[in-house]
Amino acid sequence: MFDFFRSKPKNYTDLYCEEFNKGMTDKDAVILDVRTAGEFQSGKIKGARNIDIMSPNFMAQVQNLPKDKKYYIYCRSGNRSGQACEIMSEMGFENTFNMAGGIIRWPYEVV
């Protein structure tokens, strides 16, 4: 009768670090770090671009990105990056991938 407790399906894919690491080497891959500038400066994945999801101009920055790329998105724990994936999918991005567990679980090099 009512679907109060039914969650809506995700329009993005959660990937664990190994799959995320493999996928971000794709020629169409764009790596986005949605943490704050301070968090980004403390250590990031090589080649990542910082677009802070908490910034008031997050939507404007994302809107300028090409929709035909594959976006590998991460934050500290996977929560903000999941939100970013959802927002981007609602904006028409079809290939968004969230790093499950975030950079705190990243076993590879950070710069």
PDB file of N, CA and C in Angstrom:
ATOM      1  N   MET A   1       0.817  -1.187   0.000  1.00  0.00           N
ATOM      2  CA  MET A   1       0.000   0.000   0.000  1.00  0.00           C
ATOM      3  C   MET A   1       0.870   1.264   0.000  1.00  0.00           C
ATOM      4  N   PHE A   2       1.645   1.467   1.056  1.00  0.00           N
ATOM      5  CA  PHE A   2       2.553   2.611   1.102  1.00  0.00           C
ATOM      6  C   PHE A   2       3.984   2.121   0.971  1.00  0.00           C
ATOM      7  N   ASP A   3       4.819   2.926   0.336  1.00  0.00           N
ATOM      8  CA  ASP A   3       6.217   2.549   0.144  1.00  0.00           C
ATOM      9  C   ASP A   3       7.161   3.426   0.963  1.00  0.00           C
ATOM     10  N   PHE A   4       6.757   3.723   2.205  1.00  0.00           N
ATOM     11  CA  PHE A   4       7.580   4.590   3.044  1.00  0.00           C
ATOM     12  C   PHE A   4       8.985   4.056   3.249  1.00  0.00           C
ATOM     13  N   PHE A   5       9.111   2.753   3.393  1.00  0.00           N
ATOM     14  CA  PHE A   5      10.390   2.167   3.744  1.00  0.00           C
ATOM     15  C   PHE A   5      11.144   1.596   2.556  1.00  0.00           C
ATOM     16  N   ARG A   6      10.590   1.752   1.402  1.00  0.00           N
ATOM     17  CA  ARG A   6      11.251   1.246   0.209  1.00  0.00           C
ATOM     18  C   ARG A   6      12.226   2.302  -0.292  1.00  0.00           C
ATOM     19  N   SER A   7      13.470   1.941  -0.379  1.00  0.00           N
ATOM     20  CA  SER A   7      14.444   2.913  -0.862  1.00  0.00           C
ATOM     21  C   SER A   7      14.429   2.931  -2.380  1.00  0.00           C
ATOM     22  N   LYS A   8      14.690   4.105  -2.923  1.00  0.00           N
ATOM     23  CA  LYS A   8      14.711   4.186  -4.384  1.00  0.00           C
ATOM     24  C   LYS A   8      16.012   3.594  -4.896  1.00  0.00           C
ATOM     25  N   PRO A   9      15.999   3.040  -6.092  1.00  0.00           N
ATOM     26  CA  PRO A   9      17.219   2.410  -6.615  1.00  0.00           C
ATOM     27  C   PRO A   9      18.308   3.444  -6.870  1.00  0.00           C
ATOM     28  N   LYS A  10      19.537   3.029  -6.666  1.00  0.00           N
ATOM     29  CA  LYS A  10      20.674   3.916  -6.930  1.00  0.00           C
ATOM     30  C   LYS A  10      20.872   4.050  -8.433  1.00  0.00           C
ATOM     31  N   ASN A  11      21.269   5.240  -8.833  1.00  0.00           N
ATOM     32  CA  ASN A  11      21.571   5.486 -10.239  1.00  0.00           C
ATOM     33  C   ASN A  11      23.079   5.578 -10.458  1.00  0.00           C
ATOM     34  N   TYR A  12      23.822   4.969  -9.565  1.00  0.00           N
ATOM     35  CA  TYR A  12      25.277   4.940  -9.671  1.00  0.00           C
ATOM     36  C   TYR A  12      25.765   3.597  -9.137  1.00  0.00           C
ATOM     37  N   THR A  13      27.055   3.356  -9.275  1.00  0.00           N
ATOM     38  CA  THR A  13      27.628   2.081  -8.862  1.00  0.00           C
ATOM     39  C   THR A  13      28.634   2.293  -7.737  1.00  0.00           C
ATOM     40  N   ASP A  14      28.485   1.539  -6.659  1.00  0.00           N
ATOM     41  CA  ASP A  14      29.484   1.528  -5.593  1.00  0.00           C
ATOM     42  C   ASP A  14      30.588   0.567  -5.987  1.00  0.00           C
ATOM     43  N   LEU A  15      31.826   0.999  -5.853  1.00  0.00           N
ATOM     44  CA  LEU A  15      32.974   0.149  -6.160  1.00  0.00           C
ATOM     45  C   LEU A  15      33.904   0.108  -4.962  1.00  0.00           C
ATOM     46  N   TYR A  16      34.428  -1.074  -4.662  1.00  0.00           N
ATOM     47  CA  TYR A  16      35.461  -1.172  -3.639  1.00  0.00           C
ATOM     48  C   TYR A  16      36.782  -0.706  -4.246  1.00  0.00           C
ATOM     49  N   CYS A  17      37.752  -0.414  -3.415  1.00  0.00           N
ATOM     50  CA  CYS A  17      38.998   0.218  -3.842  1.00  0.00           C
ATOM     51  C   CYS A  17      39.673  -0.463  -5.029  1.00  0.00           C
ATOM     52  N   GLU A  18      39.729  -1.786  -5.025  1.00  0.00           N
ATOM     53  CA  GLU A  18      40.408  -2.490  -6.114  1.00  0.00           C
ATOM     54  C   GLU A  18      39.723  -2.228  -7.459  1.00  0.00           C
ATOM     55  N   GLU A  19      38.381  -2.316  -7.483  1.00  0.00           N
ATOM     56  CA  GLU A  19      37.627  -2.053  -8.723  1.00  0.00           C
ATOM     57  C   GLU A  19      37.738  -0.584  -9.118  1.00  0.00           C
ATOM     58  N   PHE A  20      37.683   0.301  -8.135  1.00  0.00           N
ATOM     59  CA  PHE A  20      37.800   1.737  -8.365  1.00  0.00           C
ATOM     60  C   PHE A  20      39.159   2.046  -8.984  1.00  0.00           C
ATOM     61  N   ASN A  21      40.216   1.488  -8.405  1.00  0.00           N
ATOM     62  CA  ASN A  21      41.576   1.691  -8.891  1.00  0.00           C
ATOM     63  C   ASN A  21      41.731   1.213 -10.328  1.00  0.00           C
ATOM     64  N   LYS A  22      41.144   0.083 -10.638  1.00  0.00           N
ATOM     65  CA  LYS A  22      41.214  -0.466 -11.989  1.00  0.00           C
ATOM     66  C   LYS A  22      40.423   0.420 -12.963  1.00  0.00           C
ATOM     67  N   GLY A  23      39.214   0.816 -12.579  1.00  0.00           N
ATOM     68  CA  GLY A  23      38.352   1.606 -13.449  1.00  0.00           C
ATOM     69  C   GLY A  23      38.875   2.987 -13.764  1.00  0.00           C
ATOM     70  N   MET A  24      39.553   3.596 -12.815  1.00  0.00           N
ATOM     71  CA  MET A  24      39.997   4.977 -13.035  1.00  0.00           C
ATOM     72  C   MET A  24      41.142   5.086 -14.036  1.00  0.00           C
ATOM     73  N   THR A  25      41.652   3.955 -14.525  1.00  0.00           N
ATOM     74  CA  THR A  25      42.680   3.984 -15.565  1.00  0.00           C
ATOM     75  C   THR A  25      42.066   4.019 -16.968  1.00  0.00           C
ATOM     76  N   ASP A  26      40.750   3.884 -17.073  1.00  0.00           N
ATOM     77  CA  ASP A  26      40.046   3.942 -18.355  1.00  0.00           C
ATOM     78  C   ASP A  26      40.318   5.288 -19.032  1.00  0.00           C
ATOM     79  N   LYS A  27      40.428   5.298 -20.342  1.00  0.00           N
ATOM     80  CA  LYS A  27      40.731   6.542 -21.061  1.00  0.00           C
ATOM     81  C   LYS A  27      39.656   7.614 -20.883  1.00  0.00           C
ATOM     82  N   ASP A  28      38.423   7.227 -20.584  1.00  0.00           N
ATOM     83  CA  ASP A  28      37.343   8.191 -20.379  1.00  0.00           C
ATOM     84  C   ASP A  28      37.100   8.514 -18.906  1.00  0.00           C
ATOM     85  N   ALA A  29      37.995   8.053 -18.034  1.00  0.00           N
ATOM     86  CA  ALA A  29      37.798   8.238 -16.599  1.00  0.00           C
ATOM     87  C   ALA A  29      38.199   9.635 -16.137  1.00  0.00           C
ATOM     88  N   VAL A  30      37.374  10.186 -15.247  1.00  0.00           N
ATOM     89  CA  VAL A  30      37.675  11.445 -14.569  1.00  0.00           C
ATOM     90  C   VAL A  30      37.556  11.139 -13.078  1.00  0.00           C
ATOM     91  N   ILE A  31      38.584  11.479 -12.315  1.00  0.00           N
ATOM     92  CA  ILE A  31      38.584  11.219 -10.878  1.00  0.00           C
ATOM     93  C   ILE A  31      38.194  12.505 -10.163  1.00  0.00           C
ATOM     94  N   LEU A  32      37.121  12.442  -9.394  1.00  0.00           N
ATOM     95  CA  LEU A  32      36.659  13.607  -8.644  1.00  0.00           C
ATOM     96  C   LEU A  32      36.764  13.348  -7.149  1.00  0.00           C
ATOM     97  N   ASP A  33      37.358  14.297  -6.445  1.00  0.00           N
ATOM     98  CA  ASP A  33      37.429  14.285  -4.990  1.00  0.00           C
ATOM     99  C   ASP A  33      36.444  15.354  -4.527  1.00  0.00           C
ATOM    100  N   VAL A  34      35.412  14.955  -3.790  1.00  0.00           N
ATOM    101  CA  VAL A  34      34.371  15.912  -3.395  1.00  0.00           C
ATOM    102  C   VAL A  34      34.538  16.392  -1.950  1.00  0.00           C
ATOM    103  N   ARG A  35      35.738  16.212  -1.390  1.00  0.00           N
ATOM    104  CA  ARG A  35      36.022  16.709  -0.044  1.00  0.00           C
ATOM    105  C   ARG A  35      36.327  18.208  -0.084  1.00  0.00           C
ATOM    106  N   THR A  36      36.519  18.785   1.097  1.00  0.00           N
ATOM    107  CA  THR A  36      36.881  20.206   1.176  1.00  0.00           C
ATOM    108  C   THR A  36      38.295  20.407   0.638  1.00  0.00           C
ATOM    109  N   ALA A  37      38.634  21.653   0.332  1.00  0.00           N
ATOM    110  CA  ALA A  37      39.972  21.973  -0.169  1.00  0.00           C
ATOM    111  C   ALA A  37      41.044  21.556   0.841  1.00  0.00           C
ATOM    112  N   GLY A  38      40.780  21.749   2.128  1.00  0.00           N
ATOM    113  CA  GLY A  38      41.735  21.357   3.160  1.00  0.00           C
ATOM    114  C   GLY A  38      41.969  19.859   3.189  1.00  0.00           C
ATOM    115  N   GLU A  39      40.892  19.090   3.079  1.00  0.00           N
ATOM    116  CA  GLU A  39      41.013  17.631   3.039  1.00  0.00           C
ATOM    117  C   GLU A  39      41.790  17.208   1.791  1.00  0.00           C
ATOM    118  N   PHE A  40      41.480  17.855   0.670  1.00  0.00           N
ATOM    119  CA  PHE A  40      42.126  17.550  -0.605  1.00  0.00           C
ATOM    120  C   PHE A  40      43.633  17.784  -0.511  1.00  0.00           C
ATOM    121  N   GLN A  41      44.024  18.890   0.145  1.00  0.00           N
ATOM    122  CA  GLN A  41      45.451  19.216   0.287  1.00  0.00           C
ATOM    123  C   GLN A  41      46.185  18.227   1.189  1.00  0.00           C
ATOM    124  N   SER A  42      45.458  17.569   2.090  1.00  0.00           N
ATOM    125  CA  SER A  42      46.100  16.649   3.034  1.00  0.00           C
ATOM    126  C   SER A  42      46.466  15.310   2.400  1.00  0.00           C
ATOM    127  N   GLY A  43      46.038  15.074   1.181  1.00  0.00           N
ATOM    128  CA  GLY A  43      46.365  13.837   0.472  1.00  0.00           C
ATOM    129  C   GLY A  43      45.247  13.447  -0.461  1.00  0.00           C
ATOM    130  N   LYS A  44      45.602  13.207  -1.714  1.00  0.00           N
ATOM    131  CA  LYS A  44      44.597  12.893  -2.736  1.00  0.00           C
ATOM    132  C   LYS A  44      45.105  11.780  -3.635  1.00  0.00           C
ATOM    133  N   ILE A  45      44.199  11.232  -4.420  1.00  0.00           N
ATOM    134  CA  ILE A  45      44.573  10.252  -5.431  1.00  0.00           C
ATOM    135  C   ILE A  45      45.160  11.016  -6.613  1.00  0.00           C
ATOM    136  N   LYS A  46      46.278  10.530  -7.112  1.00  0.00           N
ATOM    137  CA  LYS A  46      46.959  11.199  -8.224  1.00  0.00           C
ATOM    138  C   LYS A  46      45.994  11.408  -9.387  1.00  0.00           C
ATOM    139  N   GLY A  47      45.951  12.627  -9.909  1.00  0.00           N
ATOM    140  CA  GLY A  47      45.105  12.958 -11.045  1.00  0.00           C
ATOM    141  C   GLY A  47      43.701  13.396 -10.679  1.00  0.00           C
ATOM    142  N   ALA A  48      43.384  13.399  -9.388  1.00  0.00           N
ATOM    143  CA  ALA A  48      42.032  13.783  -8.959  1.00  0.00           C
ATOM    144  C   ALA A  48      41.820  15.288  -9.074  1.00  0.00           C
ATOM    145  N   ARG A  49      40.589  15.635  -9.386  1.00  0.00           N
ATOM    146  CA  ARG A  49      40.153  17.025  -9.456  1.00  0.00           C
ATOM    147  C   ARG A  49      39.247  17.271  -8.254  1.00  0.00           C
ATOM    148  N   ASN A  50      39.430  18.398  -7.583  1.00  0.00           N
ATOM    149  CA  ASN A  50      38.646  18.706  -6.377  1.00  0.00           C
ATOM    150  C   ASN A  50      37.447  19.586  -6.709  1.00  0.00           C
ATOM    151  N   ILE A  51      36.248  19.055  -6.421  1.00  0.00           N
ATOM    152  CA  ILE A  51      35.013  19.836  -6.488  1.00  0.00           C
ATOM    153  C   ILE A  51      34.267  19.549  -5.186  1.00  0.00           C
ATOM    154  N   ASP A  52      34.339  20.473  -4.249  1.00  0.00           N
ATOM    155  CA  ASP A  52      33.770  20.312  -2.911  1.00  0.00           C
ATOM    156  C   ASP A  52      32.243  20.266  -2.976  1.00  0.00           C
ATOM    157  N   ILE A  53      31.667  19.132  -2.561  1.00  0.00           N
ATOM    158  CA  ILE A  53      30.212  18.979  -2.594  1.00  0.00           C
ATOM    159  C   ILE A  53      29.518  19.953  -1.639  1.00  0.00           C
ATOM    160  N   MET A  54      30.220  20.435  -0.617  1.00  0.00           N
ATOM    161  CA  MET A  54      29.627  21.365   0.335  1.00  0.00           C
ATOM    162  C   MET A  54      29.684  22.812  -0.156  1.00  0.00           C
ATOM    163  N   SER A  55      30.370  23.040  -1.243  1.00  0.00           N
ATOM    164  CA  SER A  55      30.491  24.383  -1.808  1.00  0.00           C
ATOM    165  C   SER A  55      29.176  24.829  -2.433  1.00  0.00           C
ATOM    166  N   PRO A  56      28.819  26.101  -2.281  1.00  0.00           N
ATOM    167  CA  PRO A  56      27.565  26.583  -2.887  1.00  0.00           C
ATOM    168  C   PRO A  56      27.559  26.517  -4.419  1.00  0.00           C
ATOM    169  N   ASN A  57      28.732  26.439  -5.037  1.00  0.00           N
ATOM    170  CA  ASN A  57      28.769  26.370  -6.506  1.00  0.00           C
ATOM    171  C   ASN A  57      29.069  24.963  -7.028  1.00  0.00           C
ATOM    172  N   PHE A  58      28.854  23.939  -6.210  1.00  0.00           N
ATOM    173  CA  PHE A  58      29.085  22.556  -6.634  1.00  0.00           C
ATOM    174  C   PHE A  58      28.292  22.232  -7.899  1.00  0.00           C
ATOM    175  N   MET A  59      26.997  22.531  -7.889  1.00  0.00           N
ATOM    176  CA  MET A  59      26.130  22.210  -9.039  1.00  0.00           C
ATOM    177  C   MET A  59      26.613  22.914 -10.304  1.00  0.00           C
ATOM    178  N   ALA A  60      27.009  24.170 -10.179  1.00  0.00           N
ATOM    179  CA  ALA A  60      27.476  24.929 -11.343  1.00  0.00           C
ATOM    180  C   ALA A  60      28.757  24.326 -11.910  1.00  0.00           C
ATOM    181  N   GLN A  61      29.665  23.898 -11.022  1.00  0.00           N
ATOM    182  CA  GLN A  61      30.911  23.295 -11.491  1.00  0.00           C
ATOM    183  C   GLN A  61      30.644  21.961 -12.192  1.00  0.00           C
ATOM    184  N   VAL A  62      29.763  21.159 -11.624  1.00  0.00           N
ATOM    185  CA  VAL A  62      29.451  19.850 -12.197  1.00  0.00           C
ATOM    186  C   VAL A  62      28.728  19.998 -13.532  1.00  0.00           C
ATOM    187  N   GLN A  63      27.881  20.987 -13.626  1.00  0.00           N
ATOM    188  CA  GLN A  63      27.108  21.203 -14.853  1.00  0.00           C
ATOM    189  C   GLN A  63      28.008  21.427 -16.066  1.00  0.00           C
ATOM    190  N   ASN A  64      29.214  21.949 -15.836  1.00  0.00           N
ATOM    191  CA  ASN A  64      30.148  22.225 -16.927  1.00  0.00           C
ATOM    192  C   ASN A  64      30.969  21.009 -17.348  1.00  0.00           C
ATOM    193  N   LEU A  65      30.815  19.892 -16.641  1.00  0.00           N
ATOM    194  CA  LEU A  65      31.570  18.690 -16.980  1.00  0.00           C
ATOM    195  C   LEU A  65      30.906  17.948 -18.147  1.00  0.00           C
ATOM    196  N   PRO A  66      31.713  17.332 -19.024  1.00  0.00           N
ATOM    197  CA  PRO A  66      31.130  16.551 -20.124  1.00  0.00           C
ATOM    198  C   PRO A  66      30.412  15.310 -19.595  1.00  0.00           C
ATOM    199  N   LYS A  67      29.240  15.049 -20.112  1.00  0.00           N
ATOM    200  CA  LYS A  67      28.419  13.931 -19.629  1.00  0.00           C
ATOM    201  C   LYS A  67      28.833  12.578 -20.218  1.00  0.00           C
ATOM    202  N   ASP A  68      29.720  12.578 -21.208  1.00  0.00           N
ATOM    203  CA  ASP A  68      30.100  11.319 -21.846  1.00  0.00           C
ATOM    204  C   ASP A  68      31.310  10.643 -21.198  1.00  0.00           C
ATOM    205  N   LYS A  69      31.789  11.173 -20.083  1.00  0.00           N
ATOM    206  CA  LYS A  69      32.930  10.588 -19.380  1.00  0.00           C
ATOM    207  C   LYS A  69      32.451   9.644 -18.275  1.00  0.00           C
ATOM    208  N   LYS A  70      33.391   8.904 -17.701  1.00  0.00           N
ATOM    209  CA  LYS A  70      33.113   8.027 -16.559  1.00  0.00           C
ATOM    210  C   LYS A  70      33.699   8.703 -15.326  1.00  0.00           C
ATOM    211  N   TYR A  71      32.857   8.964 -14.340  1.00  0.00           N
ATOM    212  CA  TYR A  71      33.281   9.711 -13.160  1.00  0.00           C
ATOM    213  C   TYR A  71      33.487   8.787 -11.968  1.00  0.00           C
ATOM    214  N   TYR A  72      34.723   8.760 -11.487  1.00  0.00           N
ATOM    215  CA  TYR A  72      35.113   7.984 -10.314  1.00  0.00           C
ATOM    216  C   TYR A  72      35.225   8.984  -9.166  1.00  0.00           C
ATOM    217  N   ILE A  73      34.311   8.880  -8.228  1.00  0.00           N
ATOM    218  CA  ILE A  73      34.125   9.924  -7.225  1.00  0.00           C
ATOM    219  C   ILE A  73      34.414   9.360  -5.828  1.00  0.00           C
ATOM    220  N   TYR A  74      35.171  10.123  -5.062  1.00  0.00           N
ATOM    221  CA  TYR A  74      35.470   9.684  -3.703  1.00  0.00           C
ATOM    222  C   TYR A  74      35.461  10.850  -2.723  1.00  0.00           C
ATOM    223  N   CYS A  75      35.348  10.507  -1.448  1.00  0.00           N
ATOM    224  CA  CYS A  75      35.448  11.465  -0.354  1.00  0.00           C
ATOM    225  C   CYS A  75      36.181  10.742   0.780  1.00  0.00           C
ATOM    226  N   ARG A  76      35.988  11.172   2.005  1.00  0.00           N
ATOM    227  CA  ARG A  76      36.672  10.529   3.125  1.00  0.00           C
ATOM    228  C   ARG A  76      36.114   9.143   3.412  1.00  0.00           C
ATOM    229  N   SER A  77      34.764   9.027   3.474  1.00  0.00           N
ATOM    230  CA  SER A  77      34.150   7.760   3.902  1.00  0.00           C
ATOM    231  C   SER A  77      33.226   7.109   2.872  1.00  0.00           C
ATOM    232  N   GLY A  78      32.912   7.799   1.796  1.00  0.00           N
ATOM    233  CA  GLY A  78      31.991   7.262   0.791  1.00  0.00           C
ATOM    234  C   GLY A  78      30.600   7.860   0.862  1.00  0.00           C
ATOM    235  N   ASN A  79      30.312   8.640   1.891  1.00  0.00           N
ATOM    236  CA  ASN A  79      28.989   9.236   2.055  1.00  0.00           C
ATOM    237  C   ASN A  79      28.776  10.430   1.115  1.00  0.00           C
ATOM    238  N   ARG A  80      29.654  11.427   1.205  1.00  0.00           N
ATOM    239  CA  ARG A  80      29.511  12.602   0.334  1.00  0.00           C
ATOM    240  C   ARG A  80      29.659  12.230  -1.135  1.00  0.00           C
ATOM    241  N   SER A  81      30.560  11.293  -1.441  1.00  0.00           N
ATOM    242  CA  SER A  81      30.736  10.891  -2.836  1.00  0.00           C
ATOM    243  C   SER A  81      29.489  10.173  -3.352  1.00  0.00           C
ATOM    244  N   GLY A  82      28.822   9.413  -2.495  1.00  0.00           N
ATOM    245  CA  GLY A  82      27.551   8.792  -2.883  1.00  0.00           C
ATOM    246  C   GLY A  82      26.502   9.842  -3.184  1.00  0.00           C
ATOM    247  N   GLN A  83      26.457  10.889  -2.360  1.00  0.00           N
ATOM    248  CA  GLN A  83      25.526  11.999  -2.606  1.00  0.00           C
ATOM    249  C   GLN A  83      25.861  12.692  -3.922  1.00  0.00           C
ATOM    250  N   ALA A  84      27.152  12.901  -4.170  1.00  0.00           N
ATOM    251  CA  ALA A  84      27.581  13.532  -5.424  1.00  0.00           C
ATOM    252  C   ALA A  84      27.177  12.686  -6.624  1.00  0.00           C
ATOM    253  N   CYS A  85      27.342  11.373  -6.524  1.00  0.00           N
ATOM    254  CA  CYS A  85      26.942  10.469  -7.605  1.00  0.00           C
ATOM    255  C   CYS A  85      25.443  10.600  -7.876  1.00  0.00           C
ATOM    256  N   GLU A  86      24.656  10.635  -6.817  1.00  0.00           N
ATOM    257  CA  GLU A  86      23.203  10.752  -6.957  1.00  0.00           C
ATOM    258  C   GLU A  86      22.824  12.078  -7.625  1.00  0.00           C
ATOM    259  N   ILE A  87      23.433  13.166  -7.172  1.00  0.00           N
ATOM    260  CA  ILE A  87      23.166  14.484  -7.764  1.00  0.00           C
ATOM    261  C   ILE A  87      23.537  14.478  -9.239  1.00  0.00           C
ATOM    262  N   MET A  88      24.704  13.946  -9.548  1.00  0.00           N
ATOM    263  CA  MET A  88      25.159  13.924 -10.937  1.00  0.00           C
ATOM    264  C   MET A  88      24.264  13.051 -11.810  1.00  0.00           C
ATOM    265  N   SER A  89      23.793  11.929 -11.293  1.00  0.00           N
ATOM    266  CA  SER A  89      22.902  11.079 -12.091  1.00  0.00           C
ATOM    267  C   SER A  89      21.584  11.793 -12.351  1.00  0.00           C
ATOM    268  N   GLU A  90      21.117  12.574 -11.380  1.00  0.00           N
ATOM    269  CA  GLU A  90      19.895  13.360 -11.596  1.00  0.00           C
ATOM    270  C   GLU A  90      20.111  14.467 -12.622  1.00  0.00           C
ATOM    271  N   MET A  91      21.375  14.867 -12.813  1.00  0.00           N
ATOM    272  CA  MET A  91      21.716  15.895 -13.792  1.00  0.00           C
ATOM    273  C   MET A  91      21.977  15.302 -15.178  1.00  0.00           C
ATOM    274  N   GLY A  92      21.863  13.979 -15.305  1.00  0.00           N
ATOM    275  CA  GLY A  92      22.026  13.350 -16.611  1.00  0.00           C
ATOM    276  C   GLY A  92      23.327  12.610 -16.827  1.00  0.00           C
ATOM    277  N   PHE A  93      24.171  12.511 -15.808  1.00  0.00           N
ATOM    278  CA  PHE A  93      25.413  11.743 -15.930  1.00  0.00           C
ATOM    279  C   PHE A  93      25.069  10.269 -15.771  1.00  0.00           C
ATOM    280  N   GLU A  94      25.494   9.455 -16.726  1.00  0.00           N
ATOM    281  CA  GLU A  94      25.116   8.045 -16.723  1.00  0.00           C
ATOM    282  C   GLU A  94      26.174   7.117 -16.141  1.00  0.00           C
ATOM    283  N   ASN A  95      27.410   7.579 -16.055  1.00  0.00           N
ATOM    284  CA  ASN A  95      28.497   6.718 -15.587  1.00  0.00           C
ATOM    285  C   ASN A  95      29.185   7.340 -14.374  1.00  0.00           C
ATOM    286  N   THR A  96      28.579   7.141 -13.198  1.00  0.00           N
ATOM    287  CA  THR A  96      29.174   7.634 -11.965  1.00  0.00           C
ATOM    288  C   THR A  96      29.445   6.459 -11.039  1.00  0.00           C
ATOM    289  N   PHE A  97      30.638   6.466 -10.454  1.00  0.00           N
ATOM    290  CA  PHE A  97      31.096   5.373  -9.612  1.00  0.00           C
ATOM    291  C   PHE A  97      31.568   5.930  -8.272  1.00  0.00           C
ATOM    292  N   ASN A  98      31.009   5.419  -7.207  1.00  0.00           N
ATOM    293  CA  ASN A  98      31.329   5.852  -5.857  1.00  0.00           C
ATOM    294  C   ASN A  98      32.333   4.904  -5.221  1.00  0.00           C
ATOM    295  N   MET A  99      33.391   5.467  -4.607  1.00  0.00           N
ATOM    296  CA  MET A  99      34.336   4.629  -3.885  1.00  0.00           C
ATOM    297  C   MET A  99      33.720   4.255  -2.536  1.00  0.00           C
ATOM    298  N   ALA A 100      33.292   3.015  -2.412  1.00  0.00           N
ATOM    299  CA  ALA A 100      32.704   2.520  -1.174  1.00  0.00           C
ATOM    300  C   ALA A 100      33.767   2.531  -0.076  1.00  0.00           C
ATOM    301  N   GLY A 101      33.458   3.163   1.038  1.00  0.00           N
ATOM    302  CA  GLY A 101      34.405   3.227   2.150  1.00  0.00           C
ATOM    303  C   GLY A 101      35.314   4.440   2.112  1.00  0.00           C
ATOM    304  N   GLY A 102      35.375   5.118   0.976  1.00  0.00           N
ATOM    305  CA  GLY A 102      36.155   6.346   0.867  1.00  0.00           C
ATOM    306  C   GLY A 102      37.658   6.159   0.922  1.00  0.00           C
ATOM    307  N   ILE A 103      38.338   7.295   0.916  1.00  0.00           N
ATOM    308  CA  ILE A 103      39.803   7.292   0.849  1.00  0.00           C
ATOM    309  C   ILE A 103      40.432   6.743   2.130  1.00  0.00           C
ATOM    310  N   ILE A 104      39.682   6.706   3.222  1.00  0.00           N
ATOM    311  CA  ILE A 104      40.241   6.119   4.447  1.00  0.00           C
ATOM    312  C   ILE A 104      40.499   4.622   4.283  1.00  0.00           C
ATOM    313  N   ARG A 105      39.858   3.986   3.303  1.00  0.00           N
ATOM    314  CA  ARG A 105      40.085   2.556   3.029  1.00  0.00           C
ATOM    315  C   ARG A 105      41.034   2.334   1.845  1.00  0.00           C
ATOM    316  N   TRP A 106      41.507   3.416   1.232  1.00  0.00           N
ATOM    317  CA  TRP A 106      42.351   3.349   0.028  1.00  0.00           C
ATOM    318  C   TRP A 106      43.715   2.775   0.367  1.00  0.00           C
ATOM    319  N   PRO A 107      44.066   1.592  -0.148  1.00  0.00           N
ATOM    320  CA  PRO A 107      45.353   0.986   0.200  1.00  0.00           C
ATOM    321  C   PRO A 107      46.500   1.415  -0.735  1.00  0.00           C
ATOM    322  N   TYR A 108      46.184   2.246  -1.721  1.00  0.00           N
ATOM    323  CA  TYR A 108      47.167   2.631  -2.722  1.00  0.00           C
ATOM    324  C   TYR A 108      47.762   4.005  -2.392  1.00  0.00           C
ATOM    325  N   GLU A 109      48.656   4.454  -3.227  1.00  0.00           N
ATOM    326  CA  GLU A 109      49.366   5.710  -3.009  1.00  0.00           C
ATOM    327  C   GLU A 109      48.440   6.935  -3.056  1.00  0.00           C
ATOM    328  N   VAL A 110      48.701   7.871  -2.165  1.00  0.00           N
ATOM    329  CA  VAL A 110      48.084   9.199  -2.236  1.00  0.00           C
ATOM    330  C   VAL A 110      49.219  10.209  -2.353  1.00  0.00           C
ATOM    331  N   VAL A 111      48.920  11.328  -2.975  1.00  0.00           N
ATOM    332  CA  VAL A 111      49.949  12.361  -3.183  1.00  0.00           C
ATOM    333  C   VAL A 111      49.549  13.653  -2.504  1.00  0.00           C
TER     334      VAL A 111
END
